[in-house]
């Protein structure tokens, strides 16, 4: 029996669905990867992610799958970020120096207000984290310089 909205009779071998609308496993996997990347990038909440993943598992047509990613950016969302450059390393070193200066200033002047204490805490965390991140960027930049074609896509 032809259902309203279907132009062709459903194929019994396809579970009663029109064959021209059936989405393959490859298309479904691509949509699932896009939804997963959107979660990682913070574009979806956990609840939205769970709802879309269950809908993707139940979807059988290209239109249903396309609707799940229609509001997400077009293109490869799982593409890696650009590799760090020497400028990024200089910025990391500058941030580390500035944070160390704030820590030293607060320790020398010993202010008793809450704002100075918060600035001290933020600067102290930055002094601990920024050099580690900067060292990682330095290693990546050096590796890119040594390997011809590395970091270029």
N, C-alpha and C. Protein backbone atom coordinates (compact mmCIF):
# COMPACT_ATOMS: atom_id res chain seq x y z
N UNK A 1 0.83 -1.18 0.00
CA UNK A 1 0.00 0.00 0.00
C UNK A 1 0.87 1.24 0.00
N UNK A 2 0.51 2.23 -0.80
CA UNK A 2 1.27 3.48 -0.87
C UNK A 2 0.77 4.42 0.21
N UNK A 3 1.71 4.87 1.06
CA UNK A 3 1.36 5.79 2.14
C UNK A 3 1.34 7.21 1.61
N UNK A 4 0.58 8.11 2.25
CA UNK A 4 0.56 9.50 1.82
C UNK A 4 1.95 10.10 1.89
N UNK A 5 2.34 10.82 0.84
CA UNK A 5 3.64 11.45 0.78
C UNK A 5 4.68 10.62 0.07
N UNK A 6 4.45 9.31 -0.10
CA UNK A 6 5.37 8.45 -0.83
C UNK A 6 4.91 8.33 -2.26
N UNK A 7 5.82 8.52 -3.18
CA UNK A 7 5.46 8.47 -4.59
C UNK A 7 5.56 7.07 -5.16
N UNK A 8 6.36 6.23 -4.51
CA UNK A 8 6.52 4.86 -4.98
C UNK A 8 6.07 3.91 -3.89
N UNK A 9 5.73 2.73 -4.29
CA UNK A 9 5.31 1.72 -3.32
C UNK A 9 6.53 1.26 -2.51
N UNK A 10 6.35 1.01 -1.23
CA UNK A 10 7.46 0.54 -0.41
C UNK A 10 7.95 -0.82 -0.88
N UNK A 11 9.21 -1.06 -0.72
CA UNK A 11 9.83 -2.32 -1.09
C UNK A 11 9.77 -3.25 0.12
N UNK A 12 9.22 -4.43 -0.05
CA UNK A 12 9.07 -5.37 1.06
C UNK A 12 10.43 -5.81 1.61
N UNK A 13 11.44 -5.89 0.76
CA UNK A 13 12.77 -6.30 1.20
C UNK A 13 13.44 -5.24 2.05
N UNK A 14 12.96 -4.02 1.98
CA UNK A 14 13.57 -2.92 2.72
C UNK A 14 12.75 -2.55 3.95
N UNK A 15 11.96 -3.46 4.45
CA UNK A 15 11.18 -3.19 5.64
C UNK A 15 10.01 -2.27 5.40
N UNK A 16 9.50 -2.19 4.19
CA UNK A 16 8.36 -1.35 3.89
C UNK A 16 8.71 0.10 3.63
N UNK A 17 9.99 0.41 3.47
CA UNK A 17 10.41 1.79 3.22
C UNK A 17 10.72 1.97 1.75
N UNK A 18 10.51 3.18 1.21
CA UNK A 18 10.86 3.43 -0.18
C UNK A 18 12.37 3.29 -0.38
N UNK A 19 12.83 2.55 -1.39
CA UNK A 19 14.26 2.29 -1.55
C UNK A 19 15.08 3.53 -1.88
N UNK A 20 14.51 4.53 -2.57
CA UNK A 20 15.30 5.69 -2.97
C UNK A 20 15.62 6.61 -1.79
N UNK A 21 15.00 6.43 -0.64
CA UNK A 21 15.21 7.30 0.51
C UNK A 21 16.16 6.69 1.54
N UNK A 22 16.45 5.41 1.41
CA UNK A 22 17.24 4.72 2.43
C UNK A 22 18.67 5.26 2.49
N UNK A 23 19.09 5.63 3.70
CA UNK A 23 20.46 6.11 3.90
C UNK A 23 21.35 4.93 4.25
N UNK A 24 22.53 4.91 3.68
CA UNK A 24 23.46 3.82 3.94
C UNK A 24 24.23 4.03 5.23
N UNK A 25 24.94 2.98 5.62
CA UNK A 25 25.73 3.02 6.84
C UNK A 25 26.79 4.12 6.79
N UNK A 26 27.39 4.33 5.63
CA UNK A 26 28.44 5.34 5.50
C UNK A 26 27.91 6.74 5.81
N UNK A 27 26.73 7.07 5.29
CA UNK A 27 26.14 8.38 5.54
C UNK A 27 25.77 8.52 7.02
N UNK A 28 25.23 7.47 7.61
CA UNK A 28 24.86 7.49 9.03
C UNK A 28 26.11 7.68 9.89
N UNK A 29 27.21 6.97 9.56
CA UNK A 29 28.46 7.11 10.32
C UNK A 29 29.02 8.52 10.21
N UNK A 30 28.89 9.14 9.04
CA UNK A 30 29.36 10.51 8.86
C UNK A 30 28.56 11.47 9.75
N UNK A 31 27.26 11.30 9.82
CA UNK A 31 26.40 12.14 10.66
C UNK A 31 26.76 11.92 12.14
N UNK A 32 27.00 10.69 12.53
CA UNK A 32 27.36 10.39 13.92
C UNK A 32 28.69 11.04 14.27
N UNK A 33 29.68 11.01 13.35
CA UNK A 33 30.96 11.67 13.60
C UNK A 33 30.77 13.18 13.74
N UNK A 34 29.90 13.76 12.92
CA UNK A 34 29.65 15.20 12.99
C UNK A 34 29.00 15.57 14.32
N UNK A 35 28.05 14.77 14.77
CA UNK A 35 27.38 15.03 16.04
C UNK A 35 28.37 14.89 17.20
N UNK A 36 29.21 13.88 17.14
CA UNK A 36 30.22 13.67 18.18
C UNK A 36 31.21 14.85 18.22
N UNK A 37 31.64 15.32 17.04
CA UNK A 37 32.55 16.47 16.98
C UNK A 37 31.88 17.73 17.53
N UNK A 38 30.60 17.89 17.27
CA UNK A 38 29.87 19.05 17.78
C UNK A 38 29.82 19.02 19.31
N UNK A 39 29.69 17.85 19.89
CA UNK A 39 29.70 17.73 21.35
C UNK A 39 31.06 18.12 21.90
N UNK A 40 32.12 17.60 21.28
CA UNK A 40 33.48 17.88 21.74
C UNK A 40 33.79 19.37 21.65
N UNK A 41 33.29 20.02 20.61
CA UNK A 41 33.55 21.45 20.41
C UNK A 41 32.63 22.33 21.25
N UNK A 42 31.70 21.73 21.97
CA UNK A 42 30.81 22.51 22.82
C UNK A 42 29.62 23.10 22.09
N UNK A 43 29.34 22.64 20.90
CA UNK A 43 28.20 23.15 20.14
C UNK A 43 26.89 22.48 20.55
N UNK A 44 27.00 21.34 21.23
CA UNK A 44 25.83 20.60 21.71
C UNK A 44 26.00 20.29 23.19
N UNK A 45 24.89 20.27 23.91
CA UNK A 45 24.92 19.82 25.30
C UNK A 45 24.84 18.29 25.32
N UNK A 46 25.06 17.71 26.47
CA UNK A 46 24.98 16.25 26.59
C UNK A 46 23.58 15.76 26.21
N UNK A 47 22.55 16.48 26.66
CA UNK A 47 21.17 16.06 26.34
C UNK A 47 20.90 16.14 24.85
N UNK A 48 21.35 17.23 24.19
CA UNK A 48 21.16 17.34 22.74
C UNK A 48 21.91 16.23 22.02
N UNK A 49 23.13 15.95 22.49
CA UNK A 49 23.94 14.88 21.90
C UNK A 49 23.22 13.54 21.99
N UNK A 50 22.73 13.21 23.20
CA UNK A 50 22.04 11.94 23.40
C UNK A 50 20.80 11.84 22.50
N UNK A 51 20.04 12.93 22.42
CA UNK A 51 18.82 12.92 21.60
C UNK A 51 19.18 12.73 20.12
N UNK A 52 20.18 13.45 19.65
CA UNK A 52 20.55 13.34 18.23
C UNK A 52 21.14 11.98 17.90
N UNK A 53 21.91 11.40 18.84
CA UNK A 53 22.48 10.08 18.58
C UNK A 53 21.39 9.03 18.48
N UNK A 54 20.38 9.11 19.34
CA UNK A 54 19.30 8.13 19.26
C UNK A 54 18.48 8.34 17.98
N UNK A 55 18.30 9.59 17.59
CA UNK A 55 17.58 9.86 16.34
C UNK A 55 18.40 9.37 15.15
N UNK A 56 19.72 9.53 15.21
CA UNK A 56 20.57 9.07 14.11
C UNK A 56 20.51 7.55 13.98
N UNK A 57 20.45 6.87 15.11
CA UNK A 57 20.37 5.41 15.08
C UNK A 57 19.04 4.94 14.50
N UNK A 58 17.97 5.70 14.76
CA UNK A 58 16.64 5.31 14.29
C UNK A 58 16.34 5.84 12.88
N UNK A 59 17.09 6.83 12.41
CA UNK A 59 16.80 7.43 11.10
C UNK A 59 17.09 6.44 9.98
N UNK A 60 16.28 6.51 8.95
CA UNK A 60 16.52 5.62 7.81
C UNK A 60 16.64 6.38 6.50
N UNK A 61 16.29 7.65 6.48
CA UNK A 61 16.38 8.40 5.22
C UNK A 61 17.47 9.46 5.30
N UNK A 62 17.92 9.88 4.14
CA UNK A 62 18.90 10.95 4.06
C UNK A 62 18.33 12.23 4.66
N UNK A 63 17.05 12.49 4.46
CA UNK A 63 16.42 13.71 4.97
C UNK A 63 16.42 13.73 6.49
N UNK A 64 16.13 12.59 7.11
CA UNK A 64 16.13 12.53 8.58
C UNK A 64 17.54 12.77 9.12
N UNK A 65 18.53 12.18 8.48
CA UNK A 65 19.91 12.37 8.92
C UNK A 65 20.37 13.81 8.69
N UNK A 66 19.99 14.40 7.57
CA UNK A 66 20.39 15.78 7.28
C UNK A 66 19.79 16.75 8.28
N UNK A 67 18.59 16.46 8.76
CA UNK A 67 17.93 17.35 9.73
C UNK A 67 18.69 17.37 11.06
N UNK A 68 19.40 16.29 11.38
CA UNK A 68 20.13 16.22 12.64
C UNK A 68 21.35 17.13 12.67
N UNK A 69 21.88 17.46 11.50
CA UNK A 69 23.09 18.29 11.44
C UNK A 69 22.85 19.61 10.72
N UNK A 70 21.59 19.93 10.44
CA UNK A 70 21.28 21.15 9.66
C UNK A 70 21.72 22.42 10.36
N UNK A 71 21.69 22.45 11.69
CA UNK A 71 22.06 23.66 12.42
C UNK A 71 23.53 23.71 12.80
N UNK A 72 24.31 22.70 12.40
CA UNK A 72 25.73 22.67 12.69
C UNK A 72 26.51 23.23 11.52
N UNK A 73 27.72 23.76 11.75
CA UNK A 73 28.50 24.36 10.66
C UNK A 73 28.79 23.36 9.55
N UNK A 74 28.85 23.87 8.34
CA UNK A 74 29.13 23.04 7.17
C UNK A 74 30.63 22.81 7.09
N UNK A 75 31.03 21.67 6.60
CA UNK A 75 32.44 21.36 6.44
C UNK A 75 32.90 20.38 7.51
N UNK A 76 34.19 20.13 7.50
CA UNK A 76 34.75 19.17 8.44
C UNK A 76 34.89 19.82 9.81
N UNK A 77 34.08 19.36 10.75
CA UNK A 77 34.17 19.88 12.10
C UNK A 77 35.25 19.14 12.88
N UNK A 78 35.64 17.99 12.40
CA UNK A 78 36.66 17.23 13.12
C UNK A 78 38.06 17.52 12.60
N UNK A 79 38.18 18.55 11.75
CA UNK A 79 39.49 18.92 11.22
C UNK A 79 40.36 19.46 12.35
N UNK A 80 41.61 19.10 12.35
CA UNK A 80 42.48 19.59 13.42
C UNK A 80 42.70 21.09 13.31
N UNK A 81 42.98 21.70 14.45
CA UNK A 81 43.28 23.13 14.47
C UNK A 81 44.62 23.37 13.77
N UNK A 82 44.85 24.60 13.41
CA UNK A 82 46.11 24.91 12.74
C UNK A 82 47.27 24.62 13.69
N UNK A 83 48.40 24.23 13.18
CA UNK A 83 49.53 23.96 14.05
C UNK A 83 50.06 25.26 14.65
N UNK A 84 50.70 25.19 15.81
CA UNK A 84 51.22 26.40 16.43
C UNK A 84 52.37 26.99 15.62
N UNK A 85 52.51 28.30 15.75
CA UNK A 85 53.58 29.00 15.04
C UNK A 85 54.53 29.61 16.07
N UNK A 86 55.64 30.17 15.58
CA UNK A 86 56.60 30.84 16.47
C UNK A 86 55.94 32.01 17.19
N UNK A 87 54.99 32.67 16.54
CA UNK A 87 54.27 33.78 17.16
C UNK A 87 53.48 33.28 18.38
N UNK A 88 52.87 32.11 18.26
CA UNK A 88 52.14 31.54 19.39
C UNK A 88 53.07 31.26 20.57
N UNK A 89 54.28 30.83 20.28
CA UNK A 89 55.26 30.56 21.34
C UNK A 89 55.63 31.87 22.03
N UNK A 90 55.86 32.93 21.24
CA UNK A 90 56.19 34.23 21.83
C UNK A 90 55.05 34.73 22.72
N UNK A 91 53.82 34.53 22.29
CA UNK A 91 52.67 34.94 23.11
C UNK A 91 52.64 34.14 24.40
N UNK A 92 52.91 32.84 24.33
CA UNK A 92 52.94 32.00 25.53
C UNK A 92 54.00 32.44 26.52
N UNK A 93 55.18 32.78 26.00
CA UNK A 93 56.26 33.27 26.87
C UNK A 93 55.86 34.60 27.50
N UNK A 94 55.25 35.48 26.72
CA UNK A 94 54.82 36.79 27.24
C UNK A 94 53.78 36.64 28.34
N UNK A 95 52.83 35.73 28.14
CA UNK A 95 51.80 35.49 29.16
C UNK A 95 52.44 34.96 30.44
N UNK A 96 53.40 34.07 30.31
CA UNK A 96 54.08 33.52 31.48
C UNK A 96 54.81 34.62 32.25
N UNK A 97 55.50 35.50 31.53
CA UNK A 97 56.24 36.59 32.17
C UNK A 97 55.28 37.56 32.85
N UNK A 98 54.19 37.91 32.18
CA UNK A 98 53.22 38.84 32.76
C UNK A 98 52.58 38.24 34.02
N UNK A 99 52.24 36.96 33.98
CA UNK A 99 51.64 36.31 35.15
C UNK A 99 52.63 36.26 36.31
N UNK A 100 53.89 35.98 36.01
CA UNK A 100 54.90 35.97 37.06
C UNK A 100 55.06 37.35 37.66
N UNK A 101 54.95 38.38 36.84
CA UNK A 101 55.03 39.76 37.34
C UNK A 101 53.87 40.09 38.27
N UNK A 102 52.67 39.63 37.94
CA UNK A 102 51.51 39.86 38.81
C UNK A 102 51.70 39.13 40.13
N UNK A 103 52.16 37.91 40.09
CA UNK A 103 52.40 37.15 41.32
C UNK A 103 53.43 37.87 42.19
N UNK A 104 54.51 38.31 41.58
CA UNK A 104 55.56 39.01 42.34
C UNK A 104 55.04 40.31 42.93
N UNK A 105 54.26 41.06 42.14
CA UNK A 105 53.74 42.34 42.64
C UNK A 105 52.81 42.13 43.82
N UNK A 106 51.93 41.15 43.75
CA UNK A 106 51.01 40.90 44.86
C UNK A 106 51.78 40.43 46.09
N UNK A 107 52.80 39.63 45.91
CA UNK A 107 53.59 39.17 47.06
C UNK A 107 54.38 40.30 47.70
N UNK A 108 54.92 41.22 46.90
CA UNK A 108 55.71 42.32 47.43
C UNK A 108 54.83 43.31 48.18
N UNK A 109 53.70 43.70 47.60
CA UNK A 109 52.86 44.72 48.21
C UNK A 109 51.88 44.15 49.23
N UNK A 110 51.64 42.90 49.26
CA UNK A 110 50.76 42.22 50.20
C UNK A 110 49.43 42.93 50.44
N UNK A 111 48.68 43.17 49.37
CA UNK A 111 47.37 43.83 49.58
C UNK A 111 46.42 42.87 50.30
N UNK A 112 45.48 43.48 51.04
CA UNK A 112 44.56 42.68 51.84
C UNK A 112 43.15 42.60 51.27
N UNK A 113 42.96 43.03 50.03
CA UNK A 113 41.59 42.97 49.48
C UNK A 113 41.39 41.71 48.64
N UNK A 114 40.12 41.37 48.43
CA UNK A 114 39.76 40.15 47.71
C UNK A 114 40.12 40.18 46.24
N UNK A 115 40.07 41.36 45.62
CA UNK A 115 40.40 41.47 44.19
C UNK A 115 41.87 41.14 43.94
N UNK A 116 42.75 41.63 44.81
CA UNK A 116 44.17 41.32 44.67
C UNK A 116 44.41 39.83 44.88
N UNK A 117 43.69 39.25 45.84
CA UNK A 117 43.85 37.82 46.09
C UNK A 117 43.41 37.00 44.88
N UNK A 118 42.28 37.39 44.25
CA UNK A 118 41.82 36.68 43.04
C UNK A 118 42.82 36.84 41.90
N UNK A 119 43.37 38.04 41.73
CA UNK A 119 44.38 38.26 40.70
C UNK A 119 45.60 37.37 40.96
N UNK A 120 45.97 37.26 42.24
CA UNK A 120 47.09 36.41 42.60
C UNK A 120 46.81 34.95 42.24
N UNK A 121 45.63 34.45 42.58
CA UNK A 121 45.30 33.06 42.28
C UNK A 121 45.31 32.78 40.78
N UNK A 122 44.69 33.66 40.02
CA UNK A 122 44.66 33.48 38.56
C UNK A 122 46.06 33.52 37.98
N UNK A 123 46.86 34.47 38.43
CA UNK A 123 48.23 34.58 37.92
C UNK A 123 49.06 33.37 38.33
N UNK A 124 48.84 32.87 39.54
CA UNK A 124 49.60 31.71 40.00
C UNK A 124 49.28 30.48 39.16
N UNK A 125 48.01 30.28 38.86
CA UNK A 125 47.63 29.15 38.00
C UNK A 125 48.23 29.33 36.61
N UNK A 126 48.20 30.54 36.11
CA UNK A 126 48.77 30.82 34.79
C UNK A 126 50.27 30.55 34.78
N UNK A 127 50.95 30.92 35.86
CA UNK A 127 52.39 30.67 35.96
C UNK A 127 52.67 29.17 35.95
N UNK A 128 51.77 28.39 36.49
CA UNK A 128 51.96 26.94 36.51
C UNK A 128 51.64 26.28 35.17
N UNK A 129 50.60 26.77 34.47
CA UNK A 129 50.10 26.10 33.27
C UNK A 129 50.75 26.64 31.99
N UNK A 130 50.90 27.95 31.87
CA UNK A 130 51.38 28.54 30.62
C UNK A 130 52.75 28.02 30.17
N UNK A 131 53.73 27.86 31.06
CA UNK A 131 55.01 27.33 30.58
C UNK A 131 54.90 25.91 30.01
N UNK A 132 54.02 25.10 30.56
CA UNK A 132 53.85 23.73 30.06
C UNK A 132 53.27 23.76 28.65
N UNK A 133 52.24 24.57 28.46
CA UNK A 133 51.62 24.70 27.14
C UNK A 133 52.61 25.29 26.15
N UNK A 134 53.35 26.31 26.59
CA UNK A 134 54.33 26.96 25.72
C UNK A 134 55.43 25.99 25.31
N UNK A 135 55.88 25.17 26.25
CA UNK A 135 56.92 24.18 25.92
C UNK A 135 56.40 23.18 24.88
N UNK A 136 55.14 22.77 25.00
CA UNK A 136 54.54 21.89 23.99
C UNK A 136 54.49 22.54 22.63
N UNK A 137 54.15 23.84 22.61
CA UNK A 137 54.12 24.55 21.33
C UNK A 137 55.51 24.67 20.74
N UNK A 138 56.51 24.90 21.60
CA UNK A 138 57.89 25.00 21.11
C UNK A 138 58.32 23.70 20.44
N UNK A 139 57.98 22.59 21.06
CA UNK A 139 58.33 21.28 20.48
C UNK A 139 57.66 21.12 19.12
N UNK A 140 56.37 21.47 19.03
CA UNK A 140 55.66 21.35 17.75
C UNK A 140 56.26 22.25 16.68
N UNK A 141 56.60 23.48 17.04
CA UNK A 141 57.18 24.41 16.06
C UNK A 141 58.51 23.88 15.56
N UNK A 142 59.35 23.38 16.46
CA UNK A 142 60.65 22.83 16.05
C UNK A 142 60.48 21.61 15.15
N UNK A 143 59.51 20.76 15.50
CA UNK A 143 59.26 19.57 14.68
C UNK A 143 58.80 19.97 13.29
N UNK A 144 57.95 21.01 13.20
CA UNK A 144 57.47 21.46 11.90
C UNK A 144 58.62 21.98 11.04
N UNK A 145 59.57 22.64 11.67
CA UNK A 145 60.72 23.19 10.92
C UNK A 145 61.62 22.08 10.42
N UNK A 146 61.75 21.00 11.21
CA UNK A 146 62.63 19.89 10.82
C UNK A 146 62.03 19.02 9.74
N UNK A 147 60.72 18.79 9.80
CA UNK A 147 60.07 17.90 8.84
C UNK A 147 59.52 18.71 7.68
N UNK A 148 59.99 18.48 6.47
CA UNK A 148 59.46 19.23 5.34
C UNK A 148 58.01 18.84 5.08
N UNK A 149 57.15 19.85 4.96
CA UNK A 149 55.75 19.62 4.66
C UNK A 149 54.91 19.33 5.87
N UNK A 150 55.48 19.24 7.07
CA UNK A 150 54.69 18.97 8.27
C UNK A 150 53.87 20.18 8.63
N UNK A 151 52.63 19.93 9.01
CA UNK A 151 51.75 21.02 9.43
C UNK A 151 51.05 21.71 8.29
N UNK A 152 51.40 21.35 7.08
CA UNK A 152 50.71 21.96 5.94
C UNK A 152 49.74 20.96 5.36
N UNK A 153 48.47 21.41 5.14
CA UNK A 153 47.48 20.47 4.67
C UNK A 153 47.02 20.81 3.39
